[in-house]
Amino acid sequence: MGIYIMQFVQYAFEAYYWLILISIFGSWFPKFHSSKLGSWVNRLVAPYLGFFRRFIPPLGPIDISPIIALFTFTFLRAFAIEGLRQSLRLLNV
């Protein structure tokens, strides 16, 4: 049972990571966020990226907040997965 929980959580983190990347690369194309796929991705990712955009202003035309958001997400993913792994081991699941 624990293996399935770990796989689900890993897949969920991986999917969200790719949604963040799609949103970042989609911002290079003017009409991406007005498309159905773009608006769907933006609805899922905007709250997370918005948190970083509040604290990190753009440097001229370059917005580095998504890069820092990806770096932070990678760290949080590793931390959460390891915490889940240890919790499942402790519970003998």
N, C-alpha and C. Protein backbone atom coordinates (compact mmCIF):
# COMPACT_ATOMS: atom_id res chain seq x y z
N MET A 1 0.82 -1.20 0.00
CA MET A 1 0.00 0.00 0.00
C MET A 1 0.86 1.26 0.00
N GLY A 2 1.94 1.25 0.77
CA GLY A 2 2.81 2.41 0.86
C GLY A 2 3.48 2.75 -0.45
N ILE A 3 3.79 1.73 -1.24
CA ILE A 3 4.44 1.96 -2.54
C ILE A 3 3.49 2.72 -3.46
N TYR A 4 2.20 2.38 -3.41
CA TYR A 4 1.23 3.05 -4.26
C TYR A 4 1.03 4.51 -3.85
N ILE A 5 1.05 4.76 -2.56
CA ILE A 5 0.93 6.13 -2.06
C ILE A 5 2.14 6.94 -2.52
N MET A 6 3.33 6.35 -2.39
CA MET A 6 4.55 7.05 -2.81
C MET A 6 4.52 7.34 -4.31
N GLN A 7 4.12 6.36 -5.11
CA GLN A 7 4.07 6.56 -6.55
C GLN A 7 3.06 7.64 -6.91
N PHE A 8 1.90 7.63 -6.27
CA PHE A 8 0.90 8.65 -6.55
C PHE A 8 1.42 10.06 -6.24
N VAL A 9 2.03 10.20 -5.08
CA VAL A 9 2.54 11.51 -4.68
C VAL A 9 3.67 11.95 -5.62
N GLN A 10 4.55 11.04 -5.99
CA GLN A 10 5.62 11.38 -6.92
C GLN A 10 5.07 11.79 -8.27
N TYR A 11 4.07 11.07 -8.77
CA TYR A 11 3.46 11.43 -10.05
C TYR A 11 2.75 12.78 -9.98
N ALA A 12 2.10 13.06 -8.85
CA ALA A 12 1.41 14.34 -8.68
C ALA A 12 2.41 15.49 -8.69
N PHE A 13 3.52 15.33 -7.97
CA PHE A 13 4.56 16.36 -7.97
C PHE A 13 5.16 16.53 -9.36
N GLU A 14 5.39 15.43 -10.04
CA GLU A 14 5.98 15.48 -11.39
C GLU A 14 5.03 16.19 -12.36
N ALA A 15 3.75 15.88 -12.27
CA ALA A 15 2.77 16.53 -13.16
C ALA A 15 2.71 18.03 -12.90
N TYR A 16 2.72 18.43 -11.64
CA TYR A 16 2.67 19.86 -11.33
C TYR A 16 3.95 20.57 -11.78
N TYR A 17 5.08 19.88 -11.66
CA TYR A 17 6.34 20.44 -12.14
C TYR A 17 6.25 20.73 -13.65
N TRP A 18 5.70 19.78 -14.40
CA TRP A 18 5.56 19.97 -15.84
C TRP A 18 4.55 21.06 -16.16
N LEU A 19 3.51 21.20 -15.37
CA LEU A 19 2.55 22.29 -15.58
C LEU A 19 3.21 23.65 -15.37
N ILE A 20 4.09 23.74 -14.38
CA ILE A 20 4.83 24.99 -14.16
C ILE A 20 5.71 25.29 -15.37
N LEU A 21 6.42 24.27 -15.87
CA LEU A 21 7.27 24.47 -17.04
C LEU A 21 6.45 24.88 -18.27
N ILE A 22 5.31 24.23 -18.47
CA ILE A 22 4.45 24.59 -19.60
C ILE A 22 3.98 26.03 -19.48
N SER A 23 3.64 26.45 -18.29
CA SER A 23 3.22 27.83 -18.08
C SER A 23 4.35 28.81 -18.37
N ILE A 24 5.56 28.47 -17.93
CA ILE A 24 6.71 29.35 -18.17
C ILE A 24 6.99 29.46 -19.66
N PHE A 25 7.08 28.32 -20.34
CA PHE A 25 7.37 28.36 -21.78
C PHE A 25 6.20 28.93 -22.57
N GLY A 26 4.99 28.71 -22.09
CA GLY A 26 3.82 29.28 -22.75
C GLY A 26 3.79 30.79 -22.69
N SER A 27 4.40 31.36 -21.67
CA SER A 27 4.43 32.82 -21.56
C SER A 27 5.26 33.46 -22.67
N TRP A 28 6.05 32.68 -23.37
CA TRP A 28 6.84 33.20 -24.49
C TRP A 28 5.97 33.42 -25.73
N PHE A 29 4.80 32.80 -25.75
CA PHE A 29 3.89 32.92 -26.89
C PHE A 29 2.70 33.77 -26.47
N PRO A 30 2.43 34.85 -27.19
CA PRO A 30 1.42 35.82 -26.74
C PRO A 30 0.01 35.25 -26.54
N LYS A 31 -0.41 34.32 -27.36
CA LYS A 31 -1.79 33.85 -27.28
C LYS A 31 -1.95 32.57 -26.47
N PHE A 32 -0.90 32.10 -25.86
CA PHE A 32 -0.98 30.82 -25.14
C PHE A 32 -1.96 30.89 -23.97
N HIS A 33 -1.85 31.92 -23.15
CA HIS A 33 -2.68 32.00 -21.95
C HIS A 33 -4.15 32.29 -22.26
N SER A 34 -4.46 32.71 -23.49
CA SER A 34 -5.86 32.92 -23.86
C SER A 34 -6.47 31.67 -24.49
N SER A 35 -5.64 30.66 -24.76
CA SER A 35 -6.17 29.40 -25.30
C SER A 35 -6.77 28.57 -24.18
N LYS A 36 -7.52 27.51 -24.55
CA LYS A 36 -8.13 26.65 -23.52
C LYS A 36 -7.07 25.97 -22.67
N LEU A 37 -6.05 25.40 -23.31
CA LEU A 37 -4.98 24.74 -22.56
C LEU A 37 -4.25 25.74 -21.68
N GLY A 38 -3.95 26.90 -22.23
CA GLY A 38 -3.22 27.92 -21.47
C GLY A 38 -4.00 28.42 -20.27
N SER A 39 -5.30 28.63 -20.44
CA SER A 39 -6.08 29.12 -19.31
C SER A 39 -6.23 28.04 -18.24
N TRP A 40 -6.33 26.77 -18.66
CA TRP A 40 -6.40 25.66 -17.70
C TRP A 40 -5.10 25.55 -16.91
N VAL A 41 -3.97 25.59 -17.62
CA VAL A 41 -2.66 25.51 -16.96
C VAL A 41 -2.48 26.71 -16.03
N ASN A 42 -2.86 27.88 -16.51
CA ASN A 42 -2.70 29.10 -15.71
C ASN A 42 -3.54 29.05 -14.43
N ARG A 43 -4.75 28.49 -14.52
CA ARG A 43 -5.59 28.37 -13.32
C ARG A 43 -4.95 27.47 -12.26
N LEU A 44 -4.26 26.44 -12.71
CA LEU A 44 -3.63 25.52 -11.77
C LEU A 44 -2.32 26.06 -11.19
N VAL A 45 -1.57 26.79 -11.99
CA VAL A 45 -0.22 27.19 -11.61
C VAL A 45 -0.14 28.62 -11.07
N ALA A 46 -1.08 29.47 -11.45
CA ALA A 46 -1.03 30.89 -11.07
C ALA A 46 -0.96 31.13 -9.56
N PRO A 47 -1.69 30.39 -8.73
CA PRO A 47 -1.56 30.65 -7.28
C PRO A 47 -0.14 30.42 -6.76
N TYR A 48 0.51 29.36 -7.24
CA TYR A 48 1.88 29.08 -6.78
C TYR A 48 2.86 30.13 -7.31
N LEU A 49 2.79 30.42 -8.60
CA LEU A 49 3.71 31.42 -9.17
C LEU A 49 3.40 32.82 -8.65
N GLY A 50 2.13 33.10 -8.39
CA GLY A 50 1.75 34.41 -7.87
C GLY A 50 2.37 34.71 -6.52
N PHE A 51 2.55 33.69 -5.71
CA PHE A 51 3.20 33.87 -4.41
C PHE A 51 4.60 34.44 -4.60
N PHE A 52 5.35 33.92 -5.55
CA PHE A 52 6.71 34.39 -5.78
C PHE A 52 6.74 35.74 -6.49
N ARG A 53 5.76 35.98 -7.35
CA ARG A 53 5.71 37.27 -8.06
C ARG A 53 5.41 38.42 -7.12
N ARG A 54 4.76 38.14 -6.00
CA ARG A 54 4.50 39.21 -5.02
C ARG A 54 5.78 39.70 -4.36
N PHE A 55 6.75 38.81 -4.19
CA PHE A 55 7.96 39.16 -3.45
C PHE A 55 9.16 39.46 -4.34
N ILE A 56 9.14 38.96 -5.58
CA ILE A 56 10.28 39.15 -6.48
C ILE A 56 9.82 39.96 -7.69
N PRO A 57 10.16 41.24 -7.73
CA PRO A 57 9.72 42.06 -8.86
C PRO A 57 10.51 41.71 -10.13
N PRO A 58 9.91 41.94 -11.30
CA PRO A 58 10.64 41.70 -12.55
C PRO A 58 11.84 42.63 -12.69
N LEU A 59 12.88 42.12 -13.29
CA LEU A 59 14.08 42.93 -13.57
C LEU A 59 13.98 43.42 -15.01
N GLY A 60 13.29 44.52 -15.20
CA GLY A 60 13.04 45.01 -16.55
C GLY A 60 12.07 44.06 -17.24
N PRO A 61 12.43 43.58 -18.43
CA PRO A 61 11.53 42.66 -19.13
C PRO A 61 11.67 41.20 -18.68
N ILE A 62 12.60 40.93 -17.77
CA ILE A 62 12.87 39.56 -17.35
C ILE A 62 12.25 39.30 -15.97
N ASP A 63 11.42 38.27 -15.91
CA ASP A 63 10.79 37.87 -14.66
C ASP A 63 11.48 36.61 -14.16
N ILE A 64 12.27 36.72 -13.10
CA ILE A 64 13.01 35.57 -12.59
C ILE A 64 12.23 34.80 -11.52
N SER A 65 11.05 35.28 -11.15
CA SER A 65 10.28 34.60 -10.12
C SER A 65 9.92 33.16 -10.49
N PRO A 66 9.60 32.83 -11.76
CA PRO A 66 9.33 31.42 -12.07
C PRO A 66 10.55 30.52 -11.89
N ILE A 67 11.73 31.03 -12.12
CA ILE A 67 12.94 30.23 -11.93
C ILE A 67 13.11 29.91 -10.45
N ILE A 68 12.92 30.90 -9.61
CA ILE A 68 13.03 30.69 -8.17
C ILE A 68 11.89 29.79 -7.68
N ALA A 69 10.70 29.93 -8.28
CA ALA A 69 9.58 29.07 -7.93
C ALA A 69 9.88 27.61 -8.28
N LEU A 70 10.50 27.37 -9.43
CA LEU A 70 10.87 26.00 -9.81
C LEU A 70 11.93 25.43 -8.87
N PHE A 71 12.92 26.23 -8.54
CA PHE A 71 13.96 25.79 -7.61
C PHE A 71 13.36 25.43 -6.26
N THR A 72 12.47 26.29 -5.77
CA THR A 72 11.81 26.05 -4.49
C THR A 72 10.92 24.82 -4.56
N PHE A 73 10.21 24.65 -5.67
CA PHE A 73 9.34 23.50 -5.84
C PHE A 73 10.14 22.20 -5.82
N THR A 74 11.30 22.20 -6.47
CA THR A 74 12.15 21.02 -6.47
C THR A 74 12.59 20.66 -5.06
N PHE A 75 12.96 21.66 -4.29
CA PHE A 75 13.36 21.44 -2.90
C PHE A 75 12.18 20.92 -2.07
N LEU A 76 11.02 21.55 -2.21
CA LEU A 76 9.84 21.13 -1.45
C LEU A 76 9.40 19.72 -1.83
N ARG A 77 9.51 19.39 -3.11
CA ARG A 77 9.15 18.04 -3.57
C ARG A 77 10.03 17.00 -2.90
N ALA A 78 11.34 17.24 -2.90
CA ALA A 78 12.27 16.28 -2.29
C ALA A 78 12.00 16.17 -0.79
N PHE A 79 11.76 17.30 -0.14
CA PHE A 79 11.48 17.31 1.29
C PHE A 79 10.18 16.57 1.61
N ALA A 80 9.13 16.81 0.84
CA ALA A 80 7.84 16.17 1.09
C ALA A 80 7.89 14.67 0.82
N ILE A 81 8.55 14.27 -0.25
CA ILE A 81 8.62 12.85 -0.57
C ILE A 81 9.44 12.09 0.46
N GLU A 82 10.54 12.68 0.90
CA GLU A 82 11.33 12.02 1.93
C GLU A 82 10.57 11.95 3.25
N GLY A 83 9.85 13.00 3.61
CA GLY A 83 9.02 12.98 4.81
C GLY A 83 7.93 11.93 4.74
N LEU A 84 7.31 11.81 3.57
CA LEU A 84 6.29 10.78 3.38
C LEU A 84 6.90 9.39 3.46
N ARG A 85 8.07 9.21 2.85
CA ARG A 85 8.75 7.92 2.89
C ARG A 85 9.04 7.50 4.33
N GLN A 86 9.56 8.44 5.13
CA GLN A 86 9.87 8.12 6.52
C GLN A 86 8.59 7.87 7.33
N SER A 87 7.54 8.63 7.05
CA SER A 87 6.28 8.43 7.77
C SER A 87 5.68 7.06 7.46
N LEU A 88 5.73 6.65 6.19
CA LEU A 88 5.19 5.36 5.81
C LEU A 88 6.02 4.23 6.42
N ARG A 89 7.34 4.44 6.49
CA ARG A 89 8.21 3.44 7.11
C ARG A 89 7.89 3.31 8.60
N LEU A 90 7.65 4.44 9.25
CA LEU A 90 7.33 4.44 10.68
C LEU A 90 6.00 3.74 10.94
N LEU A 91 5.04 3.92 10.04
CA LEU A 91 3.72 3.32 10.19
C LEU A 91 3.67 1.88 9.68
N ASN A 92 4.78 1.41 9.09
CA ASN A 92 4.86 0.07 8.51
C ASN A 92 3.78 -0.17 7.45
N VAL A 93 3.57 0.84 6.62
CA VAL A 93 2.57 0.74 5.55
C VAL A 93 3.22 0.29 4.28
